[in-house]
C-alpha atoms as a PDB file:
ATOM      1  CA  MET A   1     -23.958 -93.379 -33.559  1.00  0.00           C
ATOM      2  CA  VAL A   2     -20.715 -91.445 -34.030  1.00  0.00           C
ATOM      3  CA  ASP A   3     -20.881 -87.615 -34.220  1.00  0.00           C
ATOM      4  CA  MET A   4     -19.656 -86.681 -37.677  1.00  0.00           C
ATOM      5  CA  GLU A   5     -19.163 -82.949 -37.114  1.00  0.00           C
ATOM      6  CA  ALA A   6     -15.657 -81.579 -36.799  1.00  0.00           C
ATOM      7  CA  THR A   7     -14.297 -80.546 -33.440  1.00  0.00           C
ATOM      8  CA  SER A   8     -11.083 -78.855 -32.447  1.00  0.00           C
ATOM      9  CA  LEU A   9      -9.799 -81.912 -30.574  1.00  0.00           C
ATOM     10  CA  ARG A  10     -10.181 -84.122 -33.618  1.00  0.00           C
ATOM     11  CA  PHE A  11      -8.727 -81.325 -35.768  1.00  0.00           C
ATOM     12  CA  SER A  12      -5.506 -81.186 -33.629  1.00  0.00           C
ATOM     13  CA  ALA A  13      -5.254 -85.007 -33.482  1.00  0.00           C
ATOM     14  CA  ALA A  14      -5.578 -85.150 -37.319  1.00  0.00           C
ATOM     15  CA  ALA A  15      -3.020 -82.368 -37.779  1.00  0.00           C
ATOM     16  CA  ARG A  16      -0.504 -84.408 -35.792  1.00  0.00           C
ATOM     17  CA  THR A  17      -1.358 -87.612 -37.599  1.00  0.00           C
ATOM     18  CA  LEU A  18      -1.044 -85.999 -40.994  1.00  0.00           C
ATOM     19  CA  GLY A  19       2.199 -84.263 -39.907  1.00  0.00           C
ATOM     20  CA  HIS A  20       3.808 -87.628 -39.019  1.00  0.00           C
ATOM     21  CA  ALA A  21       2.616 -89.248 -42.172  1.00  0.00           C
ATOM     22  CA  ALA A  22       3.886 -86.414 -44.405  1.00  0.00           C
ATOM     23  CA  ARG A  23       7.287 -86.437 -42.687  1.00  0.00           C
ATOM     24  CA  ARG A  24       7.605 -90.149 -43.317  1.00  0.00           C
ATOM     25  CA  GLN A  25       7.000 -89.398 -46.962  1.00  0.00           C
ATOM     26  CA  GLY A  26       9.782 -86.731 -46.924  1.00  0.00           C
ATOM     27  CA  LEU A  27       7.237 -83.851 -47.352  1.00  0.00           C
ATOM     28  CA  ALA A  28       7.084 -80.426 -45.939  1.00  0.00           C
ATOM     29  CA  VAL A  29       4.460 -80.171 -43.204  1.00  0.00           C
ATOM     30  CA  PRO A  30       2.257 -77.130 -43.146  1.00  0.00           C
ATOM     31  CA  GLY A  31       0.919 -75.568 -39.958  1.00  0.00           C
ATOM     32  CA  PHE A  32      -2.825 -76.039 -39.464  1.00  0.00           C
ATOM     33  CA  ARG A  33      -5.319 -73.558 -37.909  1.00  0.00           C
ATOM     34  CA  SER A  34      -8.922 -72.862 -37.736  1.00  0.00           C
ATOM     35  CA  PRO A  35     -10.825 -70.893 -38.812  1.00  0.00           C
ATOM     36  CA  PRO A  36      -9.487 -69.248 -41.965  1.00  0.00           C
ATOM     37  CA  ARG A  37      -9.077 -65.464 -41.795  1.00  0.00           C
ATOM     38  CA  LEU A  38     -11.319 -65.043 -44.756  1.00  0.00           C
ATOM     39  CA  ALA A  39     -14.938 -65.394 -43.643  1.00  0.00           C
ATOM     40  CA  GLU A  40     -16.312 -66.511 -47.001  1.00  0.00           C
ATOM     41  CA  VAL A  41     -14.085 -69.603 -47.512  1.00  0.00           C
ATOM     42  CA  ASP A  42     -13.915 -73.017 -45.953  1.00  0.00           C
ATOM     43  CA  ARG A  43     -10.218 -73.407 -46.441  1.00  0.00           C
ATOM     44  CA  SER A  44      -7.165 -71.291 -47.312  1.00  0.00           C
ATOM     45  CA  LEU A  45      -3.427 -71.733 -47.837  1.00  0.00           C
ATOM     46  CA  ARG A  46      -1.098 -69.013 -46.703  1.00  0.00           C
ATOM     47  CA  ARG A  47       2.589 -69.210 -47.778  1.00  0.00           C
ATOM     48  CA  ARG A  48       5.146 -67.695 -45.358  1.00  0.00           C
ATOM     49  CA  ALA A  49       8.357 -65.900 -46.339  1.00  0.00           C
ATOM     50  CA  ASP A  50      10.461 -68.659 -44.752  1.00  0.00           C
ATOM     51  CA  GLY A  51       9.063 -71.189 -47.234  1.00  0.00           C
ATOM     52  CA  GLY A  52       6.514 -72.702 -44.841  1.00  0.00           C
ATOM     53  CA  ALA A  53       2.766 -72.686 -45.176  1.00  0.00           C
ATOM     54  CA  THR A  54      -0.372 -72.533 -43.004  1.00  0.00           C
ATOM     55  CA  VAL A  55      -3.468 -74.366 -43.996  1.00  0.00           C
ATOM     56  CA  ALA A  56      -6.645 -72.853 -42.377  1.00  0.00           C
ATOM     57  CA  VAL A  57      -9.767 -74.939 -42.402  1.00  0.00           C
ATOM     58  CA  ARG A  58     -13.292 -74.047 -41.103  1.00  0.00           C
ATOM     59  CA  LEU A  59     -14.705 -76.667 -38.708  1.00  0.00           C
ATOM     60  CA  ARG A  60     -18.037 -75.237 -37.644  1.00  0.00           C
ATOM     61  CA  GLY A  61     -21.008 -76.719 -39.373  1.00  0.00           C
ATOM     62  CA  ARG A  62     -19.051 -79.016 -41.700  1.00  0.00           C
ATOM     63  CA  PRO A  63     -18.848 -82.839 -41.957  1.00  0.00           C
ATOM     64  CA  TRP A  64     -15.615 -84.173 -40.442  1.00  0.00           C
ATOM     65  CA  VAL A  65     -14.665 -85.980 -43.711  1.00  0.00           C
ATOM     66  CA  ALA A  66     -14.713 -82.635 -45.573  1.00  0.00           C
ATOM     67  CA  VAL A  67     -12.450 -81.147 -42.946  1.00  0.00           C
ATOM     68  CA  LEU A  68     -10.028 -84.116 -43.421  1.00  0.00           C
ATOM     69  CA  ALA A  69     -10.145 -83.754 -47.171  1.00  0.00           C
ATOM     70  CA  ASP A  70      -9.243 -80.079 -46.935  1.00  0.00           C
ATOM     71  CA  MET A  71      -6.400 -80.797 -44.574  1.00  0.00           C
ATOM     72  CA  ILE A  72      -4.986 -83.533 -46.947  1.00  0.00           C
ATOM     73  CA  ASP A  73      -5.432 -81.211 -49.959  1.00  0.00           C
ATOM     74  CA  GLY A  74      -3.457 -78.609 -47.993  1.00  0.00           C
ATOM     75  CA  VAL A  75      -0.455 -80.941 -47.549  1.00  0.00           C
ATOM     76  CA  LEU A  76      -0.528 -81.694 -51.292  1.00  0.00           C
ATOM     77  CA  ALA A  77      -0.799 -77.993 -52.200  1.00  0.00           C
ATOM     78  CA  THR A  78       2.009 -77.053 -49.751  1.00  0.00           C
ATOM     79  CA  ASN A  79       4.281 -79.538 -51.482  1.00  0.00           C
ATOM     80  CA  GLY A  80       3.145 -78.682 -54.994  1.00  0.00           C
ATOM     81  CA  LEU A  81       2.155 -82.225 -55.764  1.00  0.00           C
ATOM     82  CA  GLU A  82       0.058 -83.115 -58.845  1.00  0.00           C
ATOM     83  CA  GLY A  83      -0.921 -86.040 -60.897  1.00  0.00           C
ATOM     84  CA  ALA A  84       0.146 -89.621 -59.933  1.00  0.00           C
ATOM     85  CA  GLU A  85       2.497 -88.390 -57.125  1.00  0.00           C
ATOM     86  CA  ALA A  86      -0.411 -86.431 -55.588  1.00  0.00           C
ATOM     87  CA  ALA A  87      -2.645 -89.473 -55.897  1.00  0.00           C
ATOM     88  CA  ARG A  88      -0.113 -91.719 -54.188  1.00  0.00           C
ATOM     89  CA  VAL A  89       0.484 -89.300 -51.276  1.00  0.00           C
ATOM     90  CA  ARG A  90      -3.260 -88.598 -50.917  1.00  0.00           C
ATOM     91  CA  THR A  91      -3.892 -92.396 -50.540  1.00  0.00           C
ATOM     92  CA  HIS A  92      -1.128 -92.644 -47.981  1.00  0.00           C
ATOM     93  CA  LEU A  93      -2.453 -89.605 -45.991  1.00  0.00           C
ATOM     94  CA  TRP A  94      -6.042 -91.028 -46.036  1.00  0.00           C
ATOM     95  CA  SER A  95      -4.690 -94.279 -44.751  1.00  0.00           C
ATOM     96  CA  ALA A  96      -3.061 -92.481 -41.958  1.00  0.00           C
ATOM     97  CA  VAL A  97      -6.285 -90.876 -40.778  1.00  0.00           C
ATOM     98  CA  GLU A  98      -8.584 -93.713 -41.802  1.00  0.00           C
ATOM     99  CA  GLY A  99      -9.624 -94.477 -38.178  1.00  0.00           C
ATOM    100  CA  ASP A 100     -10.776 -90.963 -37.738  1.00  0.00           C
ATOM    101  CA  THR A 101     -13.283 -90.624 -40.534  1.00  0.00           C
ATOM    102  CA  GLY A 102     -16.427 -91.098 -38.467  1.00  0.00           C
ATOM    103  CA  ARG A 103     -16.735 -94.820 -39.095  1.00  0.00           C
ATOM    104  CA  SER A 104     -18.134 -96.876 -36.220  1.00  0.00           C
ATOM    105  CA  GLU A 105     -15.760 -99.795 -36.616  1.00  0.00           C
ATOM    106  CA  PRO A 106     -12.226 -99.661 -35.035  1.00  0.00           C
ATOM    107  CA  ALA A 107      -9.270 -98.253 -36.972  1.00  0.00           C
ATOM    108  CA  ARG A 108      -7.221-101.384 -36.186  1.00  0.00           C
ATOM    109  CA  PRO A 109      -8.330-104.993 -35.955  1.00  0.00           C
ATOM    110  CA  PRO A 110      -8.673-106.250 -32.443  1.00  0.00           C
ATOM    111  CA  ARG A 111      -5.716-108.265 -31.075  1.00  0.00           C
ATOM    112  CA  ALA A 112      -6.006-112.022 -31.676  1.00  0.00           C
ATOM    113  CA  ALA A 113      -6.724-114.129 -28.664  1.00  0.00           C
ATOM    114  CA  ALA A 114      -3.620-115.584 -26.924  1.00  0.00           C
ATOM    115  CA  THR A 115      -4.738-119.174 -27.588  1.00  0.00           C
ATOM    116  CA  ALA A 116      -5.772-118.742 -31.247  1.00  0.00           C
ATOM    117  CA  ARG A 117      -2.618-120.375 -32.627  1.00  0.00           C
ATOM    118  CA  PRO A 118       0.461-121.884 -30.994  1.00  0.00           C
ATOM    119  CA  ARG A 119       3.596-119.957 -31.542  1.00  0.00           C
ATOM    120  CA  PRO A 120       6.300-121.711 -33.554  1.00  0.00           C
ATOM    121  CA  GLY A 121       8.822-123.401 -31.234  1.00  0.00           C
ATOM    122  CA  ARG A 122       6.506-123.364 -28.216  1.00  0.00           C
ATOM    123  CA  PRO A 123       4.339-126.210 -27.048  1.00  0.00           C
ATOM    124  CA  HIS A 124       0.613-125.555 -27.323  1.00  0.00           C
ATOM    125  CA  LEU A 125      -0.990-125.962 -23.921  1.00  0.00           C
ATOM    126  CA  ARG A 126      -4.446-127.477 -23.767  1.00  0.00           C
ATOM    127  CA  PRO A 127      -6.816-127.123 -20.865  1.00  0.00           C
ATOM    128  CA  VAL A 128      -6.752-130.026 -18.475  1.00  0.00           C
ATOM    129  CA  PRO A 129     -10.194-131.237 -17.285  1.00  0.00           C
ATOM    130  CA  ALA A 130     -10.938-131.060 -13.613  1.00  0.00           C
ATOM    131  CA  PRO A 131     -10.715-134.366 -11.713  1.00  0.00           C
ATOM    132  CA  GLY A 132     -14.000-136.246 -11.905  1.00  0.00           C
ATOM    133  CA  SER A 133     -15.307-134.305 -14.997  1.00  0.00           C
ATOM    134  CA  ALA A 134     -16.133-136.152 -18.192  1.00  0.00           C
ATOM    135  CA  GLN A 135     -13.496-136.066 -20.844  1.00  0.00           C
ATOM    136  CA  VAL A 136     -14.436-135.576 -24.494  1.00  0.00           C
ATOM    137  CA  ALA A 137     -12.230-137.495 -26.975  1.00  0.00           C
END
Protein backbone atom coordinates (compact mmCIF):
# COMPACT_ATOMS: atom_id res chain seq x y z
CA MET A 1 0.00 0.00 0.00
CA VAL A 2 1.21 3.52 -0.79
CA ASP A 3 1.72 6.01 2.05
CA MET A 4 -0.74 8.81 1.30
CA GLU A 5 0.63 11.38 3.79
CA ALA A 6 2.63 14.31 2.51
CA THR A 7 6.41 14.39 2.86
CA SER A 8 8.91 17.16 2.20
CA LEU A 9 10.53 15.17 -0.63
CA ARG A 10 7.21 14.71 -2.39
CA PHE A 11 6.43 18.39 -1.78
CA SER A 12 9.64 19.59 -3.43
CA ALA A 13 9.18 17.21 -6.38
CA ALA A 14 5.59 18.41 -6.85
CA ALA A 15 6.73 22.05 -6.65
CA ARG A 16 9.23 21.43 -9.48
CA THR A 17 6.65 19.59 -11.58
CA LEU A 18 4.01 22.29 -11.09
CA GLY A 19 6.58 24.99 -11.86
CA HIS A 20 7.49 23.37 -15.17
CA ALA A 21 3.84 22.84 -16.10
CA ALA A 22 2.91 26.43 -15.20
CA ARG A 23 5.83 27.85 -17.22
CA ARG A 24 4.74 25.81 -20.26
CA GLN A 25 1.34 27.51 -19.94
CA GLY A 26 3.00 30.94 -19.79
CA LEU A 27 2.06 31.46 -16.13
CA ALA A 28 3.92 33.04 -13.24
CA VAL A 29 5.32 30.38 -10.92
CA PRO A 30 5.05 31.06 -7.18
CA GLY A 31 7.59 29.92 -4.67
CA PHE A 32 6.48 27.06 -2.43
CA ARG A 33 7.29 26.56 1.24
CA SER A 34 6.08 24.63 4.23
CA PRO A 35 4.66 25.20 6.76
CA PRO A 36 2.69 28.46 6.60
CA ARG A 37 3.76 31.14 9.06
CA LEU A 38 0.22 31.32 10.43
CA ALA A 39 -0.31 28.37 12.78
CA GLU A 40 -4.09 28.15 12.31
CA VAL A 41 -4.15 27.72 8.49
CA ASP A 42 -3.35 24.85 6.13
CA ARG A 43 -2.29 27.16 3.31
CA SER A 44 -1.50 30.80 2.68
CA LEU A 45 -0.50 33.06 -0.19
CA ARG A 46 1.96 35.86 0.38
CA ARG A 47 2.50 38.42 -2.39
CA ARG A 48 5.92 40.05 -2.62
CA ALA A 49 6.70 43.65 -3.56
CA ASP A 50 8.47 42.47 -6.73
CA GLY A 51 5.20 40.96 -8.02
CA GLY A 52 6.06 37.37 -7.11
CA ALA A 53 4.21 35.21 -4.63
CA THR A 54 4.90 32.44 -2.14
CA VAL A 55 2.43 29.64 -1.48
CA ALA A 56 2.87 28.06 1.94
CA VAL A 57 1.22 24.70 2.58
CA ARG A 58 1.03 22.60 5.75
CA LEU A 59 2.17 19.01 5.16
CA ARG A 60 2.03 17.37 8.59
CA GLY A 61 -1.04 15.25 9.24
CA ARG A 62 -2.67 15.98 5.88
CA PRO A 63 -3.49 13.70 2.95
CA TRP A 64 -1.12 14.15 0.02
CA VAL A 65 -3.95 14.89 -2.41
CA ALA A 66 -5.09 17.80 -0.20
CA VAL A 67 -1.56 19.23 -0.27
CA LEU A 68 -1.44 18.92 -4.08
CA ALA A 69 -4.82 20.64 -4.37
CA ASP A 70 -3.57 23.54 -2.23
CA MET A 71 -0.43 23.87 -4.35
CA ILE A 72 -2.46 23.91 -7.57
CA ASP A 73 -4.92 26.45 -6.14
CA GLY A 74 -1.90 28.56 -5.17
CA VAL A 75 -0.70 28.66 -8.79
CA LEU A 76 -4.19 29.70 -9.92
CA ALA A 77 -4.45 32.40 -7.24
CA THR A 78 -0.97 33.73 -8.01
CA ASN A 79 -2.03 34.23 -11.63
CA GLY A 80 -5.49 35.59 -10.79
CA LEU A 81 -7.22 32.88 -12.82
CA GLU A 82 -10.97 32.32 -12.53
CA GLY A 83 -13.78 30.58 -14.37
CA ALA A 84 -13.13 28.55 -17.52
CA GLU A 85 -9.47 29.58 -17.75
CA ALA A 86 -8.86 28.43 -14.17
CA ALA A 87 -10.60 25.12 -14.91
CA ARG A 88 -8.44 24.55 -18.00
CA VAL A 89 -5.19 25.32 -16.17
CA ARG A 90 -6.26 23.28 -13.10
CA THR A 91 -6.84 20.25 -15.35
CA HIS A 92 -3.43 20.75 -16.97
CA LEU A 93 -1.68 21.02 -13.59
CA TRP A 94 -3.45 17.94 -12.20
CA SER A 95 -2.35 16.02 -15.30
CA ALA A 96 1.23 17.08 -14.62
CA VAL A 97 1.18 15.65 -11.08
CA GLU A 98 -1.16 12.76 -11.80
CA GLY A 99 1.49 10.12 -11.14
CA ASP A 100 2.10 11.50 -7.64
CA THR A 101 -1.41 11.36 -6.20
CA GLY A 102 -0.85 8.24 -4.13
CA ARG A 103 -2.28 5.84 -6.69
CA SER A 104 -0.64 2.44 -6.84
CA GLU A 105 -0.53 2.17 -10.64
CA PRO A 106 2.34 3.75 -12.59
CA ALA A 107 2.08 7.30 -13.91
CA ARG A 108 3.03 6.22 -17.44
CA PRO A 109 2.09 3.06 -19.25
CA PRO A 110 4.91 0.51 -19.42
CA ARG A 111 6.96 0.45 -22.61
CA ALA A 112 5.70 -1.95 -25.24
CA ALA A 113 7.68 -5.10 -25.84
CA ALA A 114 10.17 -4.80 -28.69
CA THR A 115 8.52 -7.62 -30.66
CA ALA A 116 4.92 -6.43 -30.21
CA ARG A 117 4.69 -4.96 -33.74
CA PRO A 118 7.13 -4.76 -36.60
CA ARG A 119 8.30 -1.26 -37.40
CA PRO A 120 7.29 0.08 -40.80
CA GLY A 121 10.01 -0.44 -43.38
CA ARG A 122 11.83 -3.07 -41.33
CA PRO A 123 11.46 -6.82 -41.70
CA HIS A 124 9.81 -8.63 -38.83
CA LEU A 125 12.12 -11.32 -37.50
CA ARG A 126 10.57 -14.51 -36.27
CA PRO A 127 12.25 -16.97 -33.94
CA VAL A 128 13.92 -19.85 -35.74
CA PRO A 129 13.33 -23.26 -34.17
CA ALA A 130 16.39 -25.11 -32.95
CA PRO A 131 17.57 -27.97 -35.18
CA GLY A 132 15.74 -31.18 -34.38
CA SER A 133 12.81 -29.48 -32.65
CA ALA A 134 9.26 -29.86 -33.87
CA GLN A 135 7.96 -27.02 -36.03
CA VAL A 136 4.42 -25.77 -35.63
CA ALA A 137 2.75 -24.62 -38.83
